[in-house]
């Protein structure tokens, strides 16, 4: 077949004379490639056997690797000195959460609280009746911490959930009455 000028089509050739895009006979039988892969694996094995100091073995869980300073771990709610939660149920954390794992039900204080936060008096009229986080859905992105205008939620406990037998064990549940904690069911601890 030729093009409209009468020239024969040109096919590109690779270094072995085969058209590009096609495998050579050596590549088609895979034997050479398998031997190359095994040589790399055996090289790593022999190097590790001859120099065992390269292994950084930790006897987990008895000995745990130190966590980085900015590691995002399980959540905690900050409290005022009086024991009242700093959360005002503004829903910013639940709105910012990409996994939609935060559930908040808002309630109103019997009497508004006036708290001094770094020289600024704040009037607190709302609080969460229910503040729950499903840790199975949580992606530990920290958006809830960044979105909170009251500095009420933190992810600096240094703990993270490991394993449990029930899904309910991964729910971090908080119940409040007039801003004071009544129930805090912690999720699975390490």
C-alpha atoms as a PDB file:
ATOM      1  CA  UNK A   1       0.000   0.000   0.000  1.00  0.00           C
ATOM      2  CA  UNK A   2       1.273   3.467  -0.760  1.00  0.00           C
ATOM      3  CA  UNK A   3       0.242   7.016   0.080  1.00  0.00           C
ATOM      4  CA  UNK A   4      -1.238   9.373  -2.522  1.00  0.00           C
ATOM      5  CA  UNK A   5       2.231  10.349  -3.816  1.00  0.00           C
ATOM      6  CA  UNK A   6       3.148   6.735  -4.532  1.00  0.00           C
ATOM      7  CA  UNK A   7       5.587   6.305  -1.620  1.00  0.00           C
ATOM      8  CA  UNK A   8       5.629   3.166   0.507  1.00  0.00           C
ATOM      9  CA  UNK A   9       4.741   3.679   4.199  1.00  0.00           C
ATOM     10  CA  UNK A  10       7.696   4.001   6.559  1.00  0.00           C
ATOM     11  CA  UNK A  11       7.666   2.034   9.790  1.00  0.00           C
ATOM     12  CA  UNK A  12       9.973   3.011  12.607  1.00  0.00           C
ATOM     13  CA  UNK A  13      12.410   0.343  13.698  1.00  0.00           C
ATOM     14  CA  UNK A  14      13.864  -0.139  17.147  1.00  0.00           C
ATOM     15  CA  UNK A  15      17.529  -1.048  17.736  1.00  0.00           C
ATOM     16  CA  UNK A  16      16.922  -4.771  17.111  1.00  0.00           C
ATOM     17  CA  UNK A  17      15.375  -4.296  13.687  1.00  0.00           C
ATOM     18  CA  UNK A  18      11.822  -4.980  14.910  1.00  0.00           C
ATOM     19  CA  UNK A  19       9.147  -2.346  14.366  1.00  0.00           C
ATOM     20  CA  UNK A  20       8.812  -0.049  17.382  1.00  0.00           C
ATOM     21  CA  UNK A  21       5.988  -0.926  19.707  1.00  0.00           C
ATOM     22  CA  UNK A  22       6.503  -4.635  19.140  1.00  0.00           C
ATOM     23  CA  UNK A  23       8.502  -6.822  21.506  1.00  0.00           C
ATOM     24  CA  UNK A  24      11.568  -8.727  20.422  1.00  0.00           C
ATOM     25  CA  UNK A  25      11.769 -12.508  20.757  1.00  0.00           C
ATOM     26  CA  UNK A  26      13.808 -12.224  23.994  1.00  0.00           C
ATOM     27  CA  UNK A  27      11.204  -9.894  25.476  1.00  0.00           C
ATOM     28  CA  UNK A  28       8.315 -12.113  24.411  1.00  0.00           C
ATOM     29  CA  UNK A  29       9.576 -15.192  26.243  1.00  0.00           C
ATOM     30  CA  UNK A  30      10.144 -13.100  29.412  1.00  0.00           C
ATOM     31  CA  UNK A  31      13.034 -15.313  30.531  1.00  0.00           C
ATOM     32  CA  UNK A  32      15.666 -12.573  30.336  1.00  0.00           C
ATOM     33  CA  UNK A  33      13.406 -10.120  32.198  1.00  0.00           C
ATOM     34  CA  UNK A  34      12.658 -12.685  34.918  1.00  0.00           C
ATOM     35  CA  UNK A  35      16.379 -13.353  35.411  1.00  0.00           C
ATOM     36  CA  UNK A  36      17.052  -9.590  35.657  1.00  0.00           C
ATOM     37  CA  UNK A  37      14.358  -9.216  38.334  1.00  0.00           C
ATOM     38  CA  UNK A  38      15.663 -12.198  40.303  1.00  0.00           C
ATOM     39  CA  UNK A  39      19.199 -10.784  40.155  1.00  0.00           C
ATOM     40  CA  UNK A  40      18.016  -7.513  41.704  1.00  0.00           C
ATOM     41  CA  UNK A  41      16.093  -9.363  44.420  1.00  0.00           C
ATOM     42  CA  UNK A  42      19.016 -11.653  45.246  1.00  0.00           C
ATOM     43  CA  UNK A  43      21.371  -8.664  45.377  1.00  0.00           C
ATOM     44  CA  UNK A  44      19.167  -6.968  47.989  1.00  0.00           C
ATOM     45  CA  UNK A  45      18.859 -10.219  49.954  1.00  0.00           C
ATOM     46  CA  UNK A  46      22.615 -10.809  50.078  1.00  0.00           C
ATOM     47  CA  UNK A  47      23.303  -7.176  51.034  1.00  0.00           C
ATOM     48  CA  UNK A  48      20.795  -7.402  53.895  1.00  0.00           C
ATOM     49  CA  UNK A  49      22.208 -10.701  55.134  1.00  0.00           C
ATOM     50  CA  UNK A  50      25.781  -9.394  55.114  1.00  0.00           C
ATOM     51  CA  UNK A  51      24.883  -6.079  56.808  1.00  0.00           C
ATOM     52  CA  UNK A  52      22.044  -6.701  59.335  1.00  0.00           C
ATOM     53  CA  UNK A  53      22.679  -3.308  60.997  1.00  0.00           C
ATOM     54  CA  UNK A  54      20.722  -1.774  58.106  1.00  0.00           C
ATOM     55  CA  UNK A  55      17.494  -3.096  59.681  1.00  0.00           C
ATOM     56  CA  UNK A  56      15.749  -0.666  61.993  1.00  0.00           C
ATOM     57  CA  UNK A  57      13.652  -3.184  63.912  1.00  0.00           C
ATOM     58  CA  UNK A  58      11.245  -1.954  66.577  1.00  0.00           C
ATOM     59  CA  UNK A  59       9.567  -4.391  68.979  1.00  0.00           C
ATOM     60  CA  UNK A  60       6.060  -3.132  68.306  1.00  0.00           C
ATOM     61  CA  UNK A  61       3.714  -2.737  70.262  1.00  0.00           C
ATOM     62  CA  UNK A  62       5.918  -2.821  73.380  1.00  0.00           C
ATOM     63  CA  UNK A  63       8.237  -0.226  71.849  1.00  0.00           C
ATOM     64  CA  UNK A  64       6.633   2.365  69.607  1.00  0.00           C
ATOM     65  CA  UNK A  65       8.169   4.644  67.044  1.00  0.00           C
ATOM     66  CA  UNK A  66       8.176   8.280  68.191  1.00  0.00           C
ATOM     67  CA  UNK A  67       5.524  10.305  66.394  1.00  0.00           C
ATOM     68  CA  UNK A  68       6.376  13.506  64.527  1.00  0.00           C
ATOM     69  CA  UNK A  69       5.530  16.720  66.356  1.00  0.00           C
ATOM     70  CA  UNK A  70       2.743  17.664  63.928  1.00  0.00           C
ATOM     71  CA  UNK A  71       1.239  14.159  63.735  1.00  0.00           C
ATOM     72  CA  UNK A  72      -2.569  14.298  63.509  1.00  0.00           C
ATOM     73  CA  UNK A  73      -3.946  11.768  65.956  1.00  0.00           C
ATOM     74  CA  UNK A  74      -7.278  11.204  67.699  1.00  0.00           C
ATOM     75  CA  UNK A  75      -9.407  14.230  68.475  1.00  0.00           C
ATOM     76  CA  UNK A  76      -9.993  16.009  71.763  1.00  0.00           C
ATOM     77  CA  UNK A  77     -12.213  18.911  72.744  1.00  0.00           C
ATOM     78  CA  UNK A  78     -10.683  21.828  74.642  1.00  0.00           C
ATOM     79  CA  UNK A  79     -12.345  23.086  77.806  1.00  0.00           C
ATOM     80  CA  UNK A  80     -12.375  26.327  79.732  1.00  0.00           C
ATOM     81  CA  UNK A  81     -10.973  26.387  83.273  1.00  0.00           C
ATOM     82  CA  UNK A  82     -14.533  26.042  84.569  1.00  0.00           C
ATOM     83  CA  UNK A  83     -14.924  22.714  82.740  1.00  0.00           C
ATOM     84  CA  UNK A  84     -17.272  24.050  80.046  1.00  0.00           C
ATOM     85  CA  UNK A  85     -16.487  23.027  76.508  1.00  0.00           C
ATOM     86  CA  UNK A  86     -14.988  25.642  74.204  1.00  0.00           C
ATOM     87  CA  UNK A  87     -17.156  24.320  71.375  1.00  0.00           C
ATOM     88  CA  UNK A  88     -19.999  26.674  70.475  1.00  0.00           C
ATOM     89  CA  UNK A  89     -21.694  24.268  68.042  1.00  0.00           C
ATOM     90  CA  UNK A  90     -21.022  26.592  65.099  1.00  0.00           C
ATOM     91  CA  UNK A  91     -20.798  23.564  62.745  1.00  0.00           C
ATOM     92  CA  UNK A  92     -17.636  24.867  61.025  1.00  0.00           C
ATOM     93  CA  UNK A  93     -15.760  21.614  61.717  1.00  0.00           C
ATOM     94  CA  UNK A  94     -18.620  19.448  60.440  1.00  0.00           C
ATOM     95  CA  UNK A  95     -18.932  21.638  57.332  1.00  0.00           C
ATOM     96  CA  UNK A  96     -15.197  21.489  56.582  1.00  0.00           C
ATOM     97  CA  UNK A  97     -14.963  17.705  57.068  1.00  0.00           C
ATOM     98  CA  UNK A  98     -14.566  16.015  53.652  1.00  0.00           C
ATOM     99  CA  UNK A  99     -15.595  12.633  55.076  1.00  0.00           C
ATOM    100  CA  UNK A 100     -18.749  13.943  56.816  1.00  0.00           C
ATOM    101  CA  UNK A 101     -17.825  12.023  59.957  1.00  0.00           C
ATOM    102  CA  UNK A 102     -18.699  14.719  62.526  1.00  0.00           C
ATOM    103  CA  UNK A 103     -22.212  14.891  63.993  1.00  0.00           C
ATOM    104  CA  UNK A 104     -23.197  17.913  66.094  1.00  0.00           C
ATOM    105  CA  UNK A 105     -26.556  18.737  67.670  1.00  0.00           C
ATOM    106  CA  UNK A 106     -26.666  22.277  69.048  1.00  0.00           C
ATOM    107  CA  UNK A 107     -28.311  23.491  72.240  1.00  0.00           C
ATOM    108  CA  UNK A 108     -28.650  26.843  74.009  1.00  0.00           C
ATOM    109  CA  UNK A 109     -27.163  27.729  77.388  1.00  0.00           C
ATOM    110  CA  UNK A 110     -29.502  28.406  80.300  1.00  0.00           C
ATOM    111  CA  UNK A 111     -27.489  31.566  80.945  1.00  0.00           C
ATOM    112  CA  UNK A 112     -24.890  32.896  78.498  1.00  0.00           C
ATOM    113  CA  UNK A 113     -21.295  32.509  79.656  1.00  0.00           C
ATOM    114  CA  UNK A 114     -18.737  35.296  79.382  1.00  0.00           C
ATOM    115  CA  UNK A 115     -15.213  33.944  78.934  1.00  0.00           C
ATOM    116  CA  UNK A 116     -11.962  35.841  78.533  1.00  0.00           C
ATOM    117  CA  UNK A 117      -9.934  34.415  75.633  1.00  0.00           C
ATOM    118  CA  UNK A 118      -6.526  36.119  75.305  1.00  0.00           C
ATOM    119  CA  UNK A 119      -7.870  39.470  76.465  1.00  0.00           C
ATOM    120  CA  UNK A 120     -11.086  39.259  74.445  1.00  0.00           C
ATOM    121  CA  UNK A 121     -14.394  38.700  76.256  1.00  0.00           C
ATOM    122  CA  UNK A 122     -16.541  36.144  74.464  1.00  0.00           C
ATOM    123  CA  UNK A 123     -20.228  35.601  75.125  1.00  0.00           C
ATOM    124  CA  UNK A 124     -21.106  31.925  74.678  1.00  0.00           C
ATOM    125  CA  UNK A 125     -24.774  31.194  74.100  1.00  0.00           C
ATOM    126  CA  UNK A 126     -24.655  27.830  72.331  1.00  0.00           C
ATOM    127  CA  UNK A 127     -22.999  24.505  73.071  1.00  0.00           C
ATOM    128  CA  UNK A 128     -23.161  21.025  71.545  1.00  0.00           C
ATOM    129  CA  UNK A 129     -25.700  18.648  73.074  1.00  0.00           C
ATOM    130  CA  UNK A 130     -24.099  15.870  71.031  1.00  0.00           C
ATOM    131  CA  UNK A 131     -20.614  15.910  69.486  1.00  0.00           C
ATOM    132  CA  UNK A 132     -19.729  12.594  67.790  1.00  0.00           C
ATOM    133  CA  UNK A 133     -16.981  11.578  65.382  1.00  0.00           C
ATOM    134  CA  UNK A 134     -16.985   8.304  63.451  1.00  0.00           C
ATOM    135  CA  UNK A 135     -13.284   7.428  63.360  1.00  0.00           C
ATOM    136  CA  UNK A 136     -13.851   4.783  60.670  1.00  0.00           C
ATOM    137  CA  UNK A 137     -14.870   7.542  58.266  1.00  0.00           C
ATOM    138  CA  UNK A 138     -12.310  10.105  59.453  1.00  0.00           C
ATOM    139  CA  UNK A 139      -9.359  10.630  57.111  1.00  0.00           C
ATOM    140  CA  UNK A 140      -7.348  12.571  59.736  1.00  0.00           C
ATOM    141  CA  UNK A 141      -6.912  15.536  57.421  1.00  0.00           C
ATOM    142  CA  UNK A 142      -7.097  18.126  60.209  1.00  0.00           C
ATOM    143  CA  UNK A 143      -9.576  20.350  58.355  1.00  0.00           C
ATOM    144  CA  UNK A 144     -11.823  20.364  61.441  1.00  0.00           C
ATOM    145  CA  UNK A 145      -8.985  21.802  63.539  1.00  0.00           C
ATOM    146  CA  UNK A 146      -8.219  24.466  60.950  1.00  0.00           C
ATOM    147  CA  UNK A 147     -11.890  25.422  60.524  1.00  0.00           C
ATOM    148  CA  UNK A 148     -12.672  25.816  64.237  1.00  0.00           C
ATOM    149  CA  UNK A 149     -12.833  29.545  65.096  1.00  0.00           C
ATOM    150  CA  UNK A 150     -12.933  28.798  68.855  1.00  0.00           C
ATOM    151  CA  UNK A 151      -9.863  26.556  69.020  1.00  0.00           C
ATOM    152  CA  UNK A 152     -12.187  23.928  70.497  1.00  0.00           C
ATOM    153  CA  UNK A 153     -10.997  20.800  68.689  1.00  0.00           C
ATOM    154  CA  UNK A 154      -7.442  19.491  68.522  1.00  0.00           C
ATOM    155  CA  UNK A 155      -5.798  16.386  67.074  1.00  0.00           C
ATOM    156  CA  UNK A 156      -2.796  16.222  69.395  1.00  0.00           C
ATOM    157  CA  UNK A 157      -3.553  13.306  71.715  1.00  0.00           C
ATOM    158  CA  UNK A 158      -0.771  11.151  70.261  1.00  0.00           C
ATOM    159  CA  UNK A 159      -3.198   8.223  70.036  1.00  0.00           C
ATOM    160  CA  UNK A 160      -4.831   6.635  67.052  1.00  0.00           C
ATOM    161  CA  UNK A 161      -7.381   3.814  66.799  1.00  0.00           C
ATOM    162  CA  UNK A 162      -5.986   0.362  66.148  1.00  0.00           C
ATOM    163  CA  UNK A 163      -8.417  -2.522  66.138  1.00  0.00           C
ATOM    164  CA  UNK A 164     -11.721  -3.526  67.674  1.00  0.00           C
ATOM    165  CA  UNK A 165     -14.377  -6.160  67.237  1.00  0.00           C
ATOM    166  CA  UNK A 166     -17.336  -3.807  66.716  1.00  0.00           C
ATOM    167  CA  UNK A 167     -17.896  -0.747  64.568  1.00  0.00           C
ATOM    168  CA  UNK A 168     -19.435   1.022  67.572  1.00  0.00           C
ATOM    169  CA  UNK A 169     -16.028   0.960  69.281  1.00  0.00           C
ATOM    170  CA  UNK A 170     -14.793   3.514  66.729  1.00  0.00           C
ATOM    171  CA  UNK A 171     -17.394   6.163  67.625  1.00  0.00           C
ATOM    172  CA  UNK A 172     -16.056   8.982  69.773  1.00  0.00           C
ATOM    173  CA  UNK A 173     -19.153  10.209  71.574  1.00  0.00           C
ATOM    174  CA  UNK A 174     -19.580  13.322  73.718  1.00  0.00           C
ATOM    175  CA  UNK A 175     -22.759  14.440  75.473  1.00  0.00           C
ATOM    176  CA  UNK A 176     -23.066  17.837  77.138  1.00  0.00           C
ATOM    177  CA  UNK A 177     -25.552  19.477  79.443  1.00  0.00           C
ATOM    178  CA  UNK A 178     -25.431  23.266  79.632  1.00  0.00           C
ATOM    179  CA  UNK A 179     -21.884  23.175  78.235  1.00  0.00           C
ATOM    180  CA  UNK A 180     -20.520  20.722  80.808  1.00  0.00           C
ATOM    181  CA  UNK A 181     -19.504  17.208  79.732  1.00  0.00           C
ATOM    182  CA  UNK A 182     -21.875  14.493  80.898  1.00  0.00           C
ATOM    183  CA  UNK A 183     -20.679  11.506  78.843  1.00  0.00           C
ATOM    184  CA  UNK A 184     -17.481  10.951  76.905  1.00  0.00           C
ATOM    185  CA  UNK A 185     -17.191   7.537  75.328  1.00  0.00           C
ATOM    186  CA  UNK A 186     -13.672   7.323  74.017  1.00  0.00           C
ATOM    187  CA  UNK A 187     -13.016   5.296  70.938  1.00  0.00           C
ATOM    188  CA  UNK A 188     -10.501   2.462  70.715  1.00  0.00           C
ATOM    189  CA  UNK A 189      -7.195   3.397  72.339  1.00  0.00           C
ATOM    190  CA  UNK A 190      -3.776   2.005  71.577  1.00  0.00           C
END
